Amino acid sequence: MAATAVRYLRSAGSPTAVEAHPRPRLRAVRDGERPPVDPAEFRRVLGHFASGVTVVTALTPEGPAGFACQSFASLSLDPPLVAFMVARTSTTWPRIARAGTFCVNILGADQGDLCLGFAKSGADKFAEVPYDAAPATGSPRLTGAPAWIDCTITTVHTGGDHLIVVGRVETLGATTDGDPLLFHQGRFGRFGRVSG
């Protein structure tokens, strides 16, 4: 893929070497200094970005583990990679990290209550939640989720107060064609088609 991009740039007469931008000046915010962006305003403005909702699960020696996650994205086609972001304070993440594998369950429009159950801390999130084993890793694949992606953890990067987890897709599938569960400005919603 990279070779194809280089050949294209050469044929288009573009230079293949690009000058690097200067590194930004980084420093820690000192005590008494105001952060550059108010956290409440940050949350309010970014709440305008609608996203899908997932539940990330893993099978651990202590049993199944999982949490609701809206910070999920496809990352690469070759190799097939996905990524999700998780708060460093998550009590579920260390269990998933030790498992070394995970399954992303993409939720459907009627699964808001399921999502809320996995968003709670300390509760038995799998109580009365039917699931089976994802084929490659054995991670819980939630019954009724329209799609699932079964992965092995490849890398974890730091990103402020979150971690960026990259997983290699081992297998995946879609079970239904229903509408996705969406999250926007603190509320669940449903996809509506725009005519025209």
C-alpha atoms as a PDB file:
ATOM      1  CA  MET A   1       0.000   0.000   0.000  1.00  0.00           C
ATOM      2  CA  ALA A   2       2.830   2.413   0.863  1.00  0.00           C
ATOM      3  CA  ALA A   3       4.616   1.523  -2.384  1.00  0.00           C
ATOM      4  CA  THR A   4       1.450   2.369  -4.334  1.00  0.00           C
ATOM      5  CA  ALA A   5       1.260   5.777  -2.632  1.00  0.00           C
ATOM      6  CA  VAL A   6       4.921   6.509  -3.452  1.00  0.00           C
ATOM      7  CA  ARG A   7       4.411   5.503  -7.115  1.00  0.00           C
ATOM      8  CA  TYR A   8       1.374   7.789  -7.315  1.00  0.00           C
ATOM      9  CA  LEU A   9       3.260  10.732  -5.806  1.00  0.00           C
ATOM     10  CA  ARG A  10       6.145  10.231  -8.243  1.00  0.00           C
ATOM     11  CA  SER A  11       3.811  10.018 -11.255  1.00  0.00           C
ATOM     12  CA  ALA A  12       1.997  13.170 -10.145  1.00  0.00           C
ATOM     13  CA  GLY A  13       5.301  15.018  -9.877  1.00  0.00           C
ATOM     14  CA  SER A  14       5.006  15.443  -6.112  1.00  0.00           C
ATOM     15  CA  PRO A  15       8.120  15.265  -3.983  1.00  0.00           C
ATOM     16  CA  THR A  16       8.462  11.997  -2.053  1.00  0.00           C
ATOM     17  CA  ALA A  17      10.281  13.622   0.863  1.00  0.00           C
ATOM     18  CA  VAL A  18       8.328  15.979   3.072  1.00  0.00           C
ATOM     19  CA  GLU A  19       9.928  18.363   5.520  1.00  0.00           C
ATOM     20  CA  ALA A  20       8.904  17.611   9.087  1.00  0.00           C
ATOM     21  CA  HIS A  21       6.987  20.262  10.966  1.00  0.00           C
ATOM     22  CA  PRO A  22       8.767  21.668  14.004  1.00  0.00           C
ATOM     23  CA  ARG A  23       7.786  19.896  17.214  1.00  0.00           C
ATOM     24  CA  PRO A  24       5.279  21.844  19.312  1.00  0.00           C
ATOM     25  CA  ARG A  25       6.530  23.340  22.557  1.00  0.00           C
ATOM     26  CA  LEU A  26       5.048  21.186  25.305  1.00  0.00           C
ATOM     27  CA  ARG A  27       4.925  21.931  29.001  1.00  0.00           C
ATOM     28  CA  ALA A  28       2.871  20.924  31.998  1.00  0.00           C
ATOM     29  CA  VAL A  29       0.214  23.272  33.369  1.00  0.00           C
ATOM     30  CA  ARG A  30       1.592  24.742  36.592  1.00  0.00           C
ATOM     31  CA  ASP A  31      -0.302  24.823  39.883  1.00  0.00           C
ATOM     32  CA  GLY A  32      -2.550  27.872  39.917  1.00  0.00           C
ATOM     33  CA  GLU A  33      -2.718  28.047  36.118  1.00  0.00           C
ATOM     34  CA  ARG A  34      -6.020  27.576  34.397  1.00  0.00           C
ATOM     35  CA  PRO A  35      -6.179  24.679  31.913  1.00  0.00           C
ATOM     36  CA  PRO A  36      -6.381  25.997  28.326  1.00  0.00           C
ATOM     37  CA  VAL A  37      -9.898  24.563  27.881  1.00  0.00           C
ATOM     38  CA  ASP A  38     -12.605  24.350  30.527  1.00  0.00           C
ATOM     39  CA  PRO A  39     -13.489  20.621  30.958  1.00  0.00           C
ATOM     40  CA  ALA A  40     -17.252  21.302  31.077  1.00  0.00           C
ATOM     41  CA  GLU A  41     -17.059  23.347  27.864  1.00  0.00           C
ATOM     42  CA  PHE A  42     -14.906  20.651  26.247  1.00  0.00           C
ATOM     43  CA  ARG A  43     -17.544  18.022  27.086  1.00  0.00           C
ATOM     44  CA  ARG A  44     -20.408  20.280  25.922  1.00  0.00           C
ATOM     45  CA  VAL A  45     -18.875  21.128  22.546  1.00  0.00           C
ATOM     46  CA  LEU A  46     -17.694  17.591  21.758  1.00  0.00           C
ATOM     47  CA  GLY A  47     -21.159  16.331  22.693  1.00  0.00           C
ATOM     48  CA  HIS A  48     -22.279  17.684  19.314  1.00  0.00           C
ATOM     49  CA  PHE A  49     -20.406  14.823  17.658  1.00  0.00           C
ATOM     50  CA  ALA A  50     -22.799  11.884  17.378  1.00  0.00           C
ATOM     51  CA  SER A  51     -21.229   8.476  17.723  1.00  0.00           C
ATOM     52  CA  GLY A  52     -22.180   4.857  17.696  1.00  0.00           C
ATOM     53  CA  VAL A  53     -22.125   2.862  20.923  1.00  0.00           C
ATOM     54  CA  THR A  54     -20.307  -0.378  21.652  1.00  0.00           C
ATOM     55  CA  VAL A  55     -19.675  -2.749  24.521  1.00  0.00           C
ATOM     56  CA  VAL A  56     -16.081  -4.007  24.713  1.00  0.00           C
ATOM     57  CA  THR A  57     -15.881  -7.457  26.318  1.00  0.00           C
ATOM     58  CA  ALA A  58     -13.260 -10.053  27.238  1.00  0.00           C
ATOM     59  CA  LEU A  59     -13.180 -13.435  28.917  1.00  0.00           C
ATOM     60  CA  THR A  60     -10.880 -13.317  31.942  1.00  0.00           C
ATOM     61  CA  PRO A  61      -9.900 -15.946  34.554  1.00  0.00           C
ATOM     62  CA  GLU A  62     -12.369 -14.202  36.929  1.00  0.00           C
ATOM     63  CA  GLY A  63     -15.159 -14.456  34.365  1.00  0.00           C
ATOM     64  CA  PRO A  64     -16.540 -12.162  31.660  1.00  0.00           C
ATOM     65  CA  ALA A  65     -15.661  -8.445  31.762  1.00  0.00           C
ATOM     66  CA  GLY A  66     -16.990  -5.538  29.733  1.00  0.00           C
ATOM     67  CA  PHE A  67     -17.728  -1.838  29.563  1.00  0.00           C
ATOM     68  CA  ALA A  68     -19.747   0.562  27.417  1.00  0.00           C
ATOM     69  CA  CYS A  69     -17.574   2.470  24.955  1.00  0.00           C
ATOM     70  CA  GLN A  70     -18.462   5.176  22.444  1.00  0.00           C
ATOM     71  CA  SER A  71     -14.813   6.019  21.643  1.00  0.00           C
ATOM     72  CA  PHE A  72     -14.292   3.329  19.026  1.00  0.00           C
ATOM     73  CA  ALA A  73     -13.051   3.509  15.436  1.00  0.00           C
ATOM     74  CA  SER A  74     -11.726   1.451  12.562  1.00  0.00           C
ATOM     75  CA  LEU A  75      -8.026   2.186  12.154  1.00  0.00           C
ATOM     76  CA  SER A  76      -6.471   0.205   9.300  1.00  0.00           C
ATOM     77  CA  LEU A  77      -7.556  -2.079   6.490  1.00  0.00           C
ATOM     78  CA  ASP A  78      -4.153  -3.698   5.940  1.00  0.00           C
ATOM     79  CA  PRO A  79      -3.528  -5.084   8.497  1.00  0.00           C
ATOM     80  CA  PRO A  80      -7.104  -4.994   9.833  1.00  0.00           C
ATOM     81  CA  LEU A  81      -6.948  -2.871  12.993  1.00  0.00           C
ATOM     82  CA  VAL A  82      -9.491  -1.156  15.232  1.00  0.00           C
ATOM     83  CA  ALA A  83      -9.002   1.138  18.219  1.00  0.00           C
ATOM     84  CA  PHE A  84     -10.923   2.130  21.306  1.00  0.00           C
ATOM     85  CA  MET A  85     -10.202   4.608  24.071  1.00  0.00           C
ATOM     86  CA  VAL A  86     -10.666   3.804  27.752  1.00  0.00           C
ATOM     87  CA  ALA A  87     -10.241   5.975  30.848  1.00  0.00           C
ATOM     88  CA  ARG A  88      -7.134   5.210  32.879  1.00  0.00           C
ATOM     89  CA  THR A  89      -9.412   5.026  35.944  1.00  0.00           C
ATOM     90  CA  SER A  90     -11.441   2.144  34.479  1.00  0.00           C
ATOM     91  CA  THR A  91     -11.593  -0.862  36.800  1.00  0.00           C
ATOM     92  CA  THR A  92     -12.596  -3.148  33.913  1.00  0.00           C
ATOM     93  CA  TRP A  93      -9.708  -2.267  31.583  1.00  0.00           C
ATOM     94  CA  PRO A  94      -6.959  -4.031  33.622  1.00  0.00           C
ATOM     95  CA  ARG A  95      -8.930  -7.280  33.389  1.00  0.00           C
ATOM     96  CA  ILE A  96      -9.303  -6.910  29.602  1.00  0.00           C
ATOM     97  CA  ALA A  97      -5.621  -6.003  29.283  1.00  0.00           C
ATOM     98  CA  ARG A  98      -4.621  -9.190  31.124  1.00  0.00           C
ATOM     99  CA  ALA A  99      -6.862 -11.242  28.820  1.00  0.00           C
ATOM    100  CA  GLY A 100      -4.989  -9.807  25.816  1.00  0.00           C
ATOM    101  CA  THR A 101      -8.091 -10.073  23.639  1.00  0.00           C
ATOM    102  CA  PHE A 102     -11.458  -8.363  23.298  1.00  0.00           C
ATOM    103  CA  CYS A 103     -14.683  -8.318  21.316  1.00  0.00           C
ATOM    104  CA  VAL A 104     -16.338  -5.064  20.246  1.00  0.00           C
ATOM    105  CA  ASN A 105     -20.117  -5.504  20.268  1.00  0.00           C
ATOM    106  CA  ILE A 106     -21.764  -2.797  18.142  1.00  0.00           C
ATOM    107  CA  LEU A 107     -25.132  -2.049  19.737  1.00  0.00           C
ATOM    108  CA  GLY A 108     -28.464  -1.712  17.990  1.00  0.00           C
ATOM    109  CA  ALA A 109     -31.043   1.053  18.432  1.00  0.00           C
ATOM    110  CA  ASP A 110     -33.077  -1.003  20.922  1.00  0.00           C
ATOM    111  CA  GLN A 111     -30.109  -1.790  23.201  1.00  0.00           C
ATOM    112  CA  GLY A 112     -29.923   1.429  25.241  1.00  0.00           C
ATOM    113  CA  ASP A 113     -30.722  -0.365  28.503  1.00  0.00           C
ATOM    114  CA  LEU A 114     -28.004  -2.914  27.790  1.00  0.00           C
ATOM    115  CA  CYS A 115     -25.537  -0.077  27.254  1.00  0.00           C
ATOM    116  CA  LEU A 116     -26.542   1.576  30.549  1.00  0.00           C
ATOM    117  CA  GLY A 117     -25.965  -1.714  32.361  1.00  0.00           C
ATOM    118  CA  PHE A 118     -22.403  -1.896  31.033  1.00  0.00           C
ATOM    119  CA  ALA A 119     -21.786   1.777  31.869  1.00  0.00           C
ATOM    120  CA  LYS A 120     -22.257   1.132  35.611  1.00  0.00           C
ATOM    121  CA  SER A 121     -19.272   0.491  37.827  1.00  0.00           C
ATOM    122  CA  GLY A 122     -19.173  -2.325  40.351  1.00  0.00           C
ATOM    123  CA  ALA A 123     -22.342  -4.148  39.282  1.00  0.00           C
ATOM    124  CA  ASP A 124     -22.513  -7.644  37.795  1.00  0.00           C
ATOM    125  CA  LYS A 125     -22.786  -6.398  34.224  1.00  0.00           C
ATOM    126  CA  PHE A 126     -23.412  -9.849  32.761  1.00  0.00           C
ATOM    127  CA  ALA A 127     -26.345 -10.737  35.041  1.00  0.00           C
ATOM    128  CA  GLU A 128     -29.184 -11.883  32.768  1.00  0.00           C
ATOM    129  CA  VAL A 129     -27.233 -10.821  29.650  1.00  0.00           C
ATOM    130  CA  PRO A 130     -27.132 -13.667  27.111  1.00  0.00           C
ATOM    131  CA  TYR A 131     -23.925 -14.125  25.138  1.00  0.00           C
ATOM    132  CA  ASP A 132     -21.837 -16.747  23.415  1.00  0.00           C
ATOM    133  CA  ALA A 133     -18.118 -17.044  22.687  1.00  0.00           C
ATOM    134  CA  ALA A 134     -16.593 -15.100  19.796  1.00  0.00           C
ATOM    135  CA  PRO A 135     -14.952 -17.656  17.478  1.00  0.00           C
ATOM    136  CA  ALA A 136     -11.296 -16.578  17.628  1.00  0.00           C
ATOM    137  CA  THR A 137     -10.766 -15.353  21.196  1.00  0.00           C
ATOM    138  CA  GLY A 138     -13.718 -16.679  23.174  1.00  0.00           C
ATOM    139  CA  SER A 139     -14.596 -13.138  24.288  1.00  0.00           C
ATOM    140  CA  PRO A 140     -18.298 -12.600  25.062  1.00  0.00           C
ATOM    141  CA  ARG A 141     -20.343 -11.873  21.949  1.00  0.00           C
ATOM    142  CA  LEU A 142     -23.578 -10.256  23.149  1.00  0.00           C
ATOM    143  CA  THR A 143     -26.811 -11.740  21.849  1.00  0.00           C
ATOM    144  CA  GLY A 144     -28.722  -9.306  19.665  1.00  0.00           C
ATOM    145  CA  ALA A 145     -25.788  -7.007  18.858  1.00  0.00           C
ATOM    146  CA  PRO A 146     -26.049  -6.210  15.142  1.00  0.00           C
ATOM    147  CA  ALA A 147     -22.289  -6.635  14.595  1.00  0.00           C
ATOM    148  CA  TRP A 148     -19.178  -7.801  16.435  1.00  0.00           C
ATOM    149  CA  ILE A 149     -15.409  -7.592  15.956  1.00  0.00           C
ATOM    150  CA  ASP A 150     -13.158 -10.188  17.644  1.00  0.00           C
ATOM    151  CA  CYS A 151      -9.633  -8.874  18.322  1.00  0.00           C
ATOM    152  CA  THR A 152      -6.207  -9.421  19.837  1.00  0.00           C
ATOM    153  CA  ILE A 153      -4.572  -6.446  21.585  1.00  0.00           C
ATOM    154  CA  THR A 154      -1.485  -5.301  19.673  1.00  0.00           C
ATOM    155  CA  THR A 155      -0.506  -1.981  21.287  1.00  0.00           C
ATOM    156  CA  VAL A 156      -1.633   0.459  23.960  1.00  0.00           C
ATOM    157  CA  HIS A 157      -0.753   4.161  23.765  1.00  0.00           C
ATOM    158  CA  THR A 158      -1.206   6.892  26.342  1.00  0.00           C
ATOM    159  CA  GLY A 159      -3.543   9.754  25.488  1.00  0.00           C
ATOM    160  CA  GLY A 160      -3.914  12.137  28.423  1.00  0.00           C
ATOM    161  CA  ASP A 161      -6.324  10.680  30.951  1.00  0.00           C
ATOM    162  CA  HIS A 162      -7.226   7.840  28.541  1.00  0.00           C
ATOM    163  CA  LEU A 163      -5.471   4.905  26.913  1.00  0.00           C
ATOM    164  CA  ILE A 164      -5.666   4.202  23.182  1.00  0.00           C
ATOM    165  CA  VAL A 165      -5.989   0.457  22.653  1.00  0.00           C
ATOM    166  CA  VAL A 166      -5.239  -0.968  19.209  1.00  0.00           C
ATOM    167  CA  GLY A 167      -6.461  -4.439  18.312  1.00  0.00           C
ATOM    168  CA  ARG A 168      -5.871  -6.688  15.343  1.00  0.00           C
ATOM    169  CA  VAL A 169      -9.123  -8.045  13.943  1.00  0.00           C
ATOM    170  CA  GLU A 170      -9.126 -11.848  13.989  1.00  0.00           C
ATOM    171  CA  THR A 171     -12.706 -12.339  12.821  1.00  0.00           C
ATOM    172  CA  LEU A 172     -15.899 -10.296  12.595  1.00  0.00           C
ATOM    173  CA  GLY A 173     -19.495 -10.526  11.574  1.00  0.00           C
ATOM    174  CA  ALA A 174     -22.835  -8.795  11.276  1.00  0.00           C
ATOM    175  CA  THR A 175     -25.967 -10.572  12.390  1.00  0.00           C
ATOM    176  CA  THR A 176     -28.755  -8.094  11.588  1.00  0.00           C
ATOM    177  CA  ASP A 177     -29.411  -5.045   9.439  1.00  0.00           C
ATOM    178  CA  GLY A 178     -31.135  -3.053  12.195  1.00  0.00           C
ATOM    179  CA  ASP A 179     -30.461   0.603  13.008  1.00  0.00           C
ATOM    180  CA  PRO A 180     -27.462   1.407  15.231  1.00  0.00           C
ATOM    181  CA  LEU A 181     -27.684   2.874  18.721  1.00  0.00           C
ATOM    182  CA  LEU A 182     -26.406   6.468  18.586  1.00  0.00           C
ATOM    183  CA  PHE A 183     -25.221   8.775  21.364  1.00  0.00           C
ATOM    184  CA  HIS A 184     -25.541  12.566  21.052  1.00  0.00           C
ATOM    185  CA  GLN A 185     -25.459  15.333  23.676  1.00  0.00           C
ATOM    186  CA  GLY A 186     -25.872  12.906  26.559  1.00  0.00           C
ATOM    187  CA  ARG A 187     -28.811  10.998  25.047  1.00  0.00           C
ATOM    188  CA  PHE A 188     -29.374   7.866  23.018  1.00  0.00           C
ATOM    189  CA  GLY A 189     -30.887   8.228  19.575  1.00  0.00           C
ATOM    190  CA  ARG A 190     -31.744   6.354  16.437  1.00  0.00           C
ATOM    191  CA  PHE A 191     -30.556   6.760  12.855  1.00  0.00           C
ATOM    192  CA  GLY A 192     -33.006   8.557  10.580  1.00  0.00           C
ATOM    193  CA  ARG A 193     -32.564   8.540   6.833  1.00  0.00           C
ATOM    194  CA  VAL A 194     -32.463  11.888   5.054  1.00  0.00           C
ATOM    195  CA  SER A 195     -34.448  11.934   1.839  1.00  0.00           C
ATOM    196  CA  GLY A 196     -32.892  13.242  -1.361  1.00  0.00           C
END
